[in-house]
Protein backbone atom coordinates (compact mmCIF):
# COMPACT_ATOMS: atom_id res chain seq x y z
CA MET A 1 -44.29 52.83 -4.78
CA SER A 2 -43.62 55.82 -2.15
CA THR A 3 -46.19 58.04 -0.89
CA ALA A 4 -45.09 60.39 -2.99
CA GLU A 5 -45.73 58.82 -6.19
CA ALA A 6 -48.91 57.20 -4.99
CA VAL A 7 -50.24 61.01 -4.09
CA ASN A 8 -49.28 62.28 -7.63
CA THR A 9 -50.94 59.02 -9.17
CA VAL A 10 -54.25 59.99 -8.08
CA HIS A 11 -53.92 63.46 -8.43
CA ALA A 12 -52.84 63.08 -12.21
CA ALA A 13 -55.95 60.65 -12.33
CA SER A 14 -58.07 63.29 -11.17
CA LEU A 15 -56.64 65.80 -13.66
CA ALA A 16 -56.98 63.16 -16.61
CA ALA A 17 -60.29 62.70 -15.74
CA ALA A 18 -61.68 66.56 -15.15
CA TYR A 19 -60.03 67.93 -18.36
CA LEU A 20 -59.27 65.41 -20.46
CA ASP A 21 -62.69 62.99 -20.26
CA GLY A 22 -64.67 66.11 -18.59
CA GLY A 23 -65.92 63.37 -15.96
CA PRO A 24 -65.26 61.85 -12.50
CA LEU A 25 -62.38 60.27 -11.30
CA THR A 26 -62.99 56.19 -12.05
CA ALA A 27 -60.79 52.98 -11.56
CA ARG A 28 -60.02 53.18 -15.57
CA HIS A 29 -57.99 56.69 -14.90
CA VAL A 30 -56.42 55.45 -11.89
CA ALA A 31 -55.24 52.33 -13.65
CA GLY A 32 -53.98 54.23 -16.69
CA GLN A 33 -51.70 56.43 -14.21
CA LEU A 34 -50.43 53.54 -12.65
CA ARG A 35 -49.22 51.56 -15.31
CA GLY A 36 -46.96 54.79 -15.91
CA VAL A 37 -45.73 54.81 -12.65
CA VAL A 38 -44.90 51.07 -13.00
CA PHE A 39 -43.39 50.73 -16.25
CA LYS A 40 -41.11 53.62 -15.80
CA ASP A 41 -38.94 52.15 -13.39
CA ASP A 42 -38.34 48.10 -13.19
CA PRO A 43 -39.50 45.84 -16.06
CA GLU A 44 -40.05 43.37 -12.98
CA ASP A 45 -42.84 45.67 -11.65
CA GLY A 46 -44.82 45.47 -15.27
CA ARG A 47 -44.98 42.11 -14.93
CA LYS A 48 -46.63 42.24 -11.14
CA LEU A 49 -48.69 44.40 -12.09
CA ARG A 50 -50.06 42.31 -15.32
CA ALA A 51 -50.12 39.13 -13.08
CA TYR A 52 -52.10 40.86 -10.69
CA VAL A 53 -54.80 42.07 -13.32
CA ASP A 54 -55.23 38.93 -14.98
CA GLN A 55 -55.00 37.02 -11.51
CA VAL A 56 -57.02 39.00 -9.09
CA ALA A 57 -58.56 42.09 -10.90
CA ARG A 58 -60.12 40.04 -14.32
CA PRO A 59 -61.99 37.70 -12.33
CA ARG A 60 -63.54 40.73 -10.16
CA ALA A 61 -63.94 42.42 -13.03
CA ARG A 62 -66.76 39.70 -13.99
CA SER A 63 -69.09 41.14 -11.29
CA SER A 64 -67.86 44.92 -10.54
CA ARG A 65 -67.81 47.61 -12.71
CA ALA A 66 -64.95 49.42 -11.22
CA TRP A 67 -63.00 46.53 -11.35
CA ALA A 68 -63.87 46.32 -15.00
CA ALA A 69 -63.06 50.02 -15.39
CA PHE A 70 -59.86 49.35 -13.67
CA CYS A 71 -58.98 46.65 -16.34
CA ASP A 72 -59.86 49.17 -19.24
CA GLY A 73 -56.92 51.29 -18.03
CA THR A 74 -54.45 48.79 -17.54
């Protein structure tokens, strides 16, 4: 992901949080936008994101609401 894509991802997530959900930006919003960026280019990137979520994010989600929200968004 380029710097421009990263900035755009967070910008789109903040707009979705503010205007679609009417609340603050959460990890769920960022994860949802990240998923869209990852899947548009290379299917292998989607598999890598899924592996990251399964191996890193889900174990962390057991003890962190932010990580749980990230997992909900992917």
